[in-house]
PDB file of all heavy atoms in Angstrom:
ATOM      1  N   ASP A   1      44.085  15.920  34.633  1.00  0.00           N
ATOM      2  CA  ASP A   1      45.357  15.204  34.677  1.00  0.00           C
ATOM      3  C   ASP A   1      45.581  14.324  33.455  1.00  0.00           C
ATOM      4  O   ASP A   1      46.718  14.156  32.993  1.00  0.00           O
ATOM      5  CB  ASP A   1      45.436  14.334  35.941  1.00  0.00           C
ATOM      6  CG  ASP A   1      45.445  15.164  37.210  1.00  0.00           C
ATOM      7  OD1 ASP A   1      46.056  16.249  37.187  1.00  0.00           O
ATOM      8  OD2 ASP A   1      44.835  14.728  38.209  1.00  0.00           O
ATOM      9  N   ARG A   2      44.501  13.759  32.947  1.00  0.00           N
ATOM     10  CA  ARG A   2      44.634  12.807  31.847  1.00  0.00           C
ATOM     11  C   ARG A   2      43.495  13.034  30.849  1.00  0.00           C
ATOM     12  O   ARG A   2      42.347  12.704  31.129  1.00  0.00           O
ATOM     13  CB  ARG A   2      44.602  11.364  32.363  1.00  0.00           C
ATOM     14  CG  ARG A   2      45.737  11.032  33.329  1.00  0.00           C
ATOM     15  CD  ARG A   2      45.592   9.614  33.872  1.00  0.00           C
ATOM     16  NE  ARG A   2      46.670   9.270  34.779  1.00  0.00           N
ATOM     17  CZ  ARG A   2      46.635   9.497  36.100  1.00  0.00           C
ATOM     18  NH1 ARG A   2      45.566  10.084  36.654  1.00  0.00           N
ATOM     19  NH2 ARG A   2      47.651   9.141  36.858  1.00  0.00           N
ATOM     20  N   ASN A   3      43.859  13.571  29.705  1.00  0.00           N
ATOM     21  CA  ASN A   3      42.881  13.794  28.645  1.00  0.00           C
ATOM     22  C   ASN A   3      42.975  12.623  27.669  1.00  0.00           C
ATOM     23  O   ASN A   3      43.963  12.483  26.941  1.00  0.00           O
ATOM     24  CB  ASN A   3      43.167  15.118  27.924  1.00  0.00           C
ATOM     25  CG  ASN A   3      42.080  15.472  26.928  1.00  0.00           C
ATOM     26  OD1 ASN A   3      41.545  14.603  26.240  1.00  0.00           O
ATOM     27  ND2 ASN A   3      41.751  16.755  26.839  1.00  0.00           N
ATOM     28  N   TYR A   4      41.948  11.809  27.633  1.00  0.00           N
ATOM     29  CA  TYR A   4      42.041  10.560  26.884  1.00  0.00           C
ATOM     30  C   TYR A   4      41.873  10.736  25.381  1.00  0.00           C
ATOM     31  O   TYR A   4      42.311   9.876  24.610  1.00  0.00           O
ATOM     32  CB  TYR A   4      41.056   9.542  27.453  1.00  0.00           C
ATOM     33  CG  TYR A   4      41.443   9.153  28.874  1.00  0.00           C
ATOM     34  CD1 TYR A   4      40.603   9.429  29.955  1.00  0.00           C
ATOM     35  CD2 TYR A   4      42.680   8.569  29.132  1.00  0.00           C
ATOM     36  CE1 TYR A   4      40.985   9.108  31.250  1.00  0.00           C
ATOM     37  CE2 TYR A   4      43.079   8.252  30.421  1.00  0.00           C
ATOM     38  CZ  TYR A   4      42.226   8.518  31.480  1.00  0.00           C
ATOM     39  OH  TYR A   4      42.617   8.203  32.760  1.00  0.00           O
ATOM     40  N   VAL A   5      41.306  11.829  24.934  1.00  0.00           N
ATOM     41  CA  VAL A   5      41.270  12.047  23.494  1.00  0.00           C
ATOM     42  C   VAL A   5      42.658  12.430  22.981  1.00  0.00           C
ATOM     43  O   VAL A   5      43.034  12.084  21.843  1.00  0.00           O
ATOM     44  CB  VAL A   5      40.208  13.104  23.099  1.00  0.00           C
ATOM     45  CG1 VAL A   5      40.644  14.522  23.442  1.00  0.00           C
ATOM     46  CG2 VAL A   5      39.885  13.000  21.612  1.00  0.00           C
ATOM     47  N   ILE A   6      43.438  13.092  23.809  1.00  0.00           N
ATOM     48  CA  ILE A   6      44.833  13.374  23.447  1.00  0.00           C
ATOM     49  C   ILE A   6      45.634  12.078  23.440  1.00  0.00           C
ATOM     50  O   ILE A   6      46.479  11.851  22.562  1.00  0.00           O
ATOM     51  CB  ILE A   6      45.447  14.405  24.419  1.00  0.00           C
ATOM     52  CG1 ILE A   6      44.778  15.772  24.217  1.00  0.00           C
ATOM     53  CG2 ILE A   6      46.957  14.513  24.212  1.00  0.00           C
ATOM     54  CD1 ILE A   6      45.243  16.837  25.182  1.00  0.00           C
ATOM     55  N   ALA A   7      45.337  11.196  24.396  1.00  0.00           N
ATOM     56  CA  ALA A   7      45.989   9.882  24.416  1.00  0.00           C
ATOM     57  C   ALA A   7      45.666   9.105  23.139  1.00  0.00           C
ATOM     58  O   ALA A   7      46.531   8.426  22.568  1.00  0.00           O
ATOM     59  CB  ALA A   7      45.537   9.099  25.640  1.00  0.00           C
ATOM     60  N   ALA A   8      44.429   9.205  22.671  1.00  0.00           N
ATOM     61  CA  ALA A   8      44.027   8.531  21.433  1.00  0.00           C
ATOM     62  C   ALA A   8      44.727   9.138  20.224  1.00  0.00           C
ATOM     63  O   ALA A   8      45.061   8.432  19.265  1.00  0.00           O
ATOM     64  CB  ALA A   8      42.516   8.618  21.269  1.00  0.00           C
ATOM     65  N   GLU A   9      44.961  10.440  20.276  1.00  0.00           N
ATOM     66  CA  GLU A   9      45.612  11.128  19.156  1.00  0.00           C
ATOM     67  C   GLU A   9      47.017  10.593  18.896  1.00  0.00           C
ATOM     68  O   GLU A   9      47.468  10.514  17.744  1.00  0.00           O
ATOM     69  CB  GLU A   9      45.661  12.632  19.435  1.00  0.00           C
ATOM     70  CG  GLU A   9      46.198  13.452  18.282  1.00  0.00           C
ATOM     71  CD  GLU A   9      46.254  14.937  18.603  1.00  0.00           C
ATOM     72  OE1 GLU A   9      46.188  15.291  19.807  1.00  0.00           O
ATOM     73  OE2 GLU A   9      46.366  15.736  17.661  1.00  0.00           O
ATOM     74  N   TYR A  10      47.732  10.222  19.953  1.00  0.00           N
ATOM     75  CA  TYR A  10      49.065   9.634  19.780  1.00  0.00           C
ATOM     76  C   TYR A  10      49.008   8.419  18.856  1.00  0.00           C
ATOM     77  O   TYR A  10      49.880   8.228  18.004  1.00  0.00           O
ATOM     78  CB  TYR A  10      49.642   9.204  21.134  1.00  0.00           C
ATOM     79  CG  TYR A  10      50.286  10.311  21.932  1.00  0.00           C
ATOM     80  CD1 TYR A  10      49.578  10.960  22.943  1.00  0.00           C
ATOM     81  CD2 TYR A  10      51.596  10.694  21.692  1.00  0.00           C
ATOM     82  CE1 TYR A  10      50.173  11.974  23.693  1.00  0.00           C
ATOM     83  CE2 TYR A  10      52.197  11.709  22.435  1.00  0.00           C
ATOM     84  CZ  TYR A  10      51.474  12.338  23.428  1.00  0.00           C
ATOM     85  OH  TYR A  10      52.064  13.343  24.167  1.00  0.00           O
ATOM     86  N   GLY A  11      47.996   7.601  19.026  1.00  0.00           N
ATOM     87  CA  GLY A  11      47.868   6.411  18.200  1.00  0.00           C
ATOM     88  C   GLY A  11      47.332   6.710  16.820  1.00  0.00           C
ATOM     89  O   GLY A  11      47.783   6.128  15.827  1.00  0.00           O
ATOM     90  N   PHE A  12      46.364   7.604  16.739  1.00  0.00           N
ATOM     91  CA  PHE A  12      45.787   7.967  15.440  1.00  0.00           C
ATOM     92  C   PHE A  12      46.870   8.512  14.517  1.00  0.00           C
ATOM     93  O   PHE A  12      46.968   8.108  13.344  1.00  0.00           O
ATOM     94  CB  PHE A  12      44.674   8.999  15.643  1.00  0.00           C
ATOM     95  CG  PHE A  12      44.112   9.526  14.354  1.00  0.00           C
ATOM     96  CD1 PHE A  12      43.297   8.736  13.562  1.00  0.00           C
ATOM     97  CD2 PHE A  12      44.411  10.825  13.935  1.00  0.00           C
ATOM     98  CE1 PHE A  12      42.790   9.227  12.354  1.00  0.00           C
ATOM     99  CE2 PHE A  12      43.902  11.324  12.742  1.00  0.00           C
ATOM    100  CZ  PHE A  12      43.091  10.519  11.942  1.00  0.00           C
ATOM    101  N   LYS A  13      47.685   9.409  15.009  1.00  0.00           N
ATOM    102  CA  LYS A  13      48.737  10.002  14.182  1.00  0.00           C
ATOM    103  C   LYS A  13      49.807   8.984  13.814  1.00  0.00           C
ATOM    104  O   LYS A  13      50.330   8.989  12.696  1.00  0.00           O
ATOM    105  CB  LYS A  13      49.360  11.207  14.902  1.00  0.00           C
ATOM    106  CG  LYS A  13      48.448  12.424  14.935  1.00  0.00           C
ATOM    107  CD  LYS A  13      49.146  13.627  15.541  1.00  0.00           C
ATOM    108  CE  LYS A  13      48.262  14.877  15.433  1.00  0.00           C
ATOM    109  NZ  LYS A  13      48.920  16.069  16.039  1.00  0.00           N
ATOM    110  N   PHE A  14      50.138   8.077  14.754  1.00  0.00           N
ATOM    111  CA  PHE A  14      51.155   7.074  14.448  1.00  0.00           C
ATOM    112  C   PHE A  14      50.651   6.133  13.352  1.00  0.00           C
ATOM    113  O   PHE A  14      51.397   5.792  12.427  1.00  0.00           O
ATOM    114  CB  PHE A  14      51.502   6.279  15.713  1.00  0.00           C
ATOM    115  CG  PHE A  14      52.760   5.458  15.569  1.00  0.00           C
ATOM    116  CD1 PHE A  14      53.998   6.041  15.770  1.00  0.00           C
ATOM    117  CD2 PHE A  14      52.701   4.116  15.225  1.00  0.00           C
ATOM    118  CE1 PHE A  14      55.167   5.290  15.624  1.00  0.00           C
ATOM    119  CE2 PHE A  14      53.862   3.366  15.085  1.00  0.00           C
ATOM    120  CZ  PHE A  14      55.099   3.953  15.282  1.00  0.00           C
ATOM    121  N   LEU A  15      49.402   5.728  13.438  1.00  0.00           N
ATOM    122  CA  LEU A  15      48.835   4.846  12.411  1.00  0.00           C
ATOM    123  C   LEU A  15      48.797   5.535  11.056  1.00  0.00           C
ATOM    124  O   LEU A  15      49.140   4.930  10.025  1.00  0.00           O
ATOM    125  CB  LEU A  15      47.425   4.414  12.818  1.00  0.00           C
ATOM    126  CG  LEU A  15      47.335   3.352  13.919  1.00  0.00           C
ATOM    127  CD1 LEU A  15      45.918   3.277  14.485  1.00  0.00           C
ATOM    128  CD2 LEU A  15      47.753   1.979  13.383  1.00  0.00           C
ATOM    129  N   THR A  16      48.391   6.784  11.011  1.00  0.00           N
ATOM    130  CA  THR A  16      48.274   7.474   9.723  1.00  0.00           C
ATOM    131  C   THR A  16      49.638   7.881   9.167  1.00  0.00           C
ATOM    132  O   THR A  16      49.817   7.932   7.943  1.00  0.00           O
ATOM    133  CB  THR A  16      47.378   8.717   9.846  1.00  0.00           C
ATOM    134  OG1 THR A  16      47.856   9.572  10.887  1.00  0.00           O
ATOM    135  CG2 THR A  16      45.944   8.309  10.167  1.00  0.00           C
ATOM    136  N   ASN A  17      50.613   8.133  10.036  1.00  0.00           N
ATOM    137  CA  ASN A  17      51.937   8.554   9.572  1.00  0.00           C
ATOM    138  C   ASN A  17      52.840   7.394   9.169  1.00  0.00           C
ATOM    139  O   ASN A  17      53.657   7.528   8.245  1.00  0.00           O
ATOM    140  CB  ASN A  17      52.651   9.379  10.652  1.00  0.00           C
ATOM    141  CG  ASN A  17      52.038  10.751  10.834  1.00  0.00           C
ATOM    142  OD1 ASN A  17      51.366  11.263   9.947  1.00  0.00           O
ATOM    143  ND2 ASN A  17      52.243  11.346  12.002  1.00  0.00           N
ATOM    144  N   TYR A  18      52.702   6.252   9.856  1.00  0.00           N
ATOM    145  CA  TYR A  18      53.656   5.161   9.646  1.00  0.00           C
ATOM    146  C   TYR A  18      53.035   3.853   9.154  1.00  0.00           C
ATOM    147  O   TYR A  18      53.655   3.128   8.377  1.00  0.00           O
ATOM    148  CB  TYR A  18      54.430   4.898  10.945  1.00  0.00           C
ATOM    149  CG  TYR A  18      55.226   6.093  11.408  1.00  0.00           C
ATOM    150  CD1 TYR A  18      54.817   6.838  12.510  1.00  0.00           C
ATOM    151  CD2 TYR A  18      56.368   6.504  10.724  1.00  0.00           C
ATOM    152  CE1 TYR A  18      55.535   7.959  12.927  1.00  0.00           C
ATOM    153  CE2 TYR A  18      57.096   7.617  11.130  1.00  0.00           C
ATOM    154  CZ  TYR A  18      56.668   8.336  12.237  1.00  0.00           C
ATOM    155  OH  TYR A  18      57.378   9.436  12.633  1.00  0.00           O
ATOM    156  N   PHE A  19      51.844   3.525   9.601  1.00  0.00           N
ATOM    157  CA  PHE A  19      51.216   2.280   9.169  1.00  0.00           C
ATOM    158  C   PHE A  19      50.541   2.424   7.805  1.00  0.00           C
ATOM    159  O   PHE A  19      50.410   1.454   7.066  1.00  0.00           O
ATOM    160  CB  PHE A  19      50.178   1.819  10.196  1.00  0.00           C
ATOM    161  CG  PHE A  19      50.739   1.027  11.338  1.00  0.00           C
ATOM    162  CD1 PHE A  19      51.379   1.672  12.396  1.00  0.00           C
ATOM    163  CD2 PHE A  19      50.636  -0.346  11.374  1.00  0.00           C
ATOM    164  CE1 PHE A  19      51.893   0.953  13.459  1.00  0.00           C
ATOM    165  CE2 PHE A  19      51.148  -1.078  12.429  1.00  0.00           C
ATOM    166  CZ  PHE A  19      51.780  -0.435  13.475  1.00  0.00           C
ATOM    167  N   TYR A  20      50.109   3.611   7.478  1.00  0.00           N
ATOM    168  CA  TYR A  20      49.378   3.813   6.229  1.00  0.00           C
ATOM    169  C   TYR A  20      50.288   3.660   5.019  1.00  0.00           C
ATOM    170  O   TYR A  20      51.391   4.205   4.976  1.00  0.00           O
ATOM    171  CB  TYR A  20      48.731   5.197   6.215  1.00  0.00           C
ATOM    172  CG  TYR A  20      47.968   5.477   4.943  1.00  0.00           C
ATOM    173  CD1 TYR A  20      46.833   4.727   4.619  1.00  0.00           C
ATOM    174  CD2 TYR A  20      48.397   6.461   4.049  1.00  0.00           C
ATOM    175  CE1 TYR A  20      46.127   4.977   3.439  1.00  0.00           C
ATOM    176  CE2 TYR A  20      47.700   6.717   2.877  1.00  0.00           C
ATOM    177  CZ  TYR A  20      46.570   5.954   2.574  1.00  0.00           C
ATOM    178  OH  TYR A  20      45.890   6.186   1.407  1.00  0.00           O
ATOM    179  N   ASP A  21      49.836   2.910   4.022  1.00  0.00           N
ATOM    180  CA  ASP A  21      50.571   2.696   2.787  1.00  0.00           C
ATOM    181  C   ASP A  21      50.150   3.766   1.780  1.00  0.00           C
ATOM    182  O   ASP A  21      49.068   3.698   1.191  1.00  0.00           O
ATOM    183  CB  ASP A  21      50.263   1.291   2.242  1.00  0.00           C
ATOM    184  CG  ASP A  21      51.058   0.957   0.986  1.00  0.00           C
ATOM    185  OD1 ASP A  21      51.643   1.878   0.372  1.00  0.00           O
ATOM    186  OD2 ASP A  21      51.083  -0.230   0.606  1.00  0.00           O
ATOM    187  N   LYS A  22      51.004   4.751   1.599  1.00  0.00           N
ATOM    188  CA  LYS A  22      50.670   5.888   0.732  1.00  0.00           C
ATOM    189  C   LYS A  22      50.587   5.493  -0.738  1.00  0.00           C
ATOM    190  O   LYS A  22      49.952   6.193  -1.537  1.00  0.00           O
ATOM    191  CB  LYS A  22      51.701   7.004   0.922  1.00  0.00           C
ATOM    192  CG  LYS A  22      51.734   7.581   2.335  1.00  0.00           C
ATOM    193  CD  LYS A  22      52.841   8.606   2.495  1.00  0.00           C
ATOM    194  CE  LYS A  22      52.843   9.213   3.896  1.00  0.00           C
ATOM    195  NZ  LYS A  22      53.165   8.205   4.926  1.00  0.00           N
ATOM    196  N   ASN A  23      51.212   4.388  -1.109  1.00  0.00           N
ATOM    197  CA  ASN A  23      51.205   3.966  -2.512  1.00  0.00           C
ATOM    198  C   ASN A  23      49.999   3.104  -2.873  1.00  0.00           C
ATOM    199  O   ASN A  23      49.424   3.254  -3.958  1.00  0.00           O
ATOM    200  CB  ASN A  23      52.490   3.188  -2.832  1.00  0.00           C
ATOM    201  CG  ASN A  23      53.733   4.034  -2.687  1.00  0.00           C
ATOM    202  OD1 ASN A  23      53.754   5.199  -3.106  1.00  0.00           O
ATOM    203  ND2 ASN A  23      54.772   3.481  -2.082  1.00  0.00           N
ATOM    204  N   ASN A  24      49.624   2.210  -1.969  1.00  0.00           N
ATOM    205  CA  ASN A  24      48.586   1.225  -2.290  1.00  0.00           C
ATOM    206  C   ASN A  24      47.323   1.334  -1.461  1.00  0.00           C
ATOM    207  O   ASN A  24      46.342   0.654  -1.735  1.00  0.00           O
ATOM    208  CB  ASN A  24      49.157  -0.192  -2.129  1.00  0.00           C
ATOM    209  CG  ASN A  24      50.372  -0.437  -2.997  1.00  0.00           C
ATOM    210  OD1 ASN A  24      50.285  -0.411  -4.217  1.00  0.00           O
ATOM    211  ND2 ASN A  24      51.518  -0.653  -2.358  1.00  0.00           N
TER     212      ASN A  24
END
């Protein structure tokens, strides 16, 4: 019913896609 590594992936991708500063 609940795969917690998939739940973690939601955050991992959000951090790398939006929080990460590609320039600096």
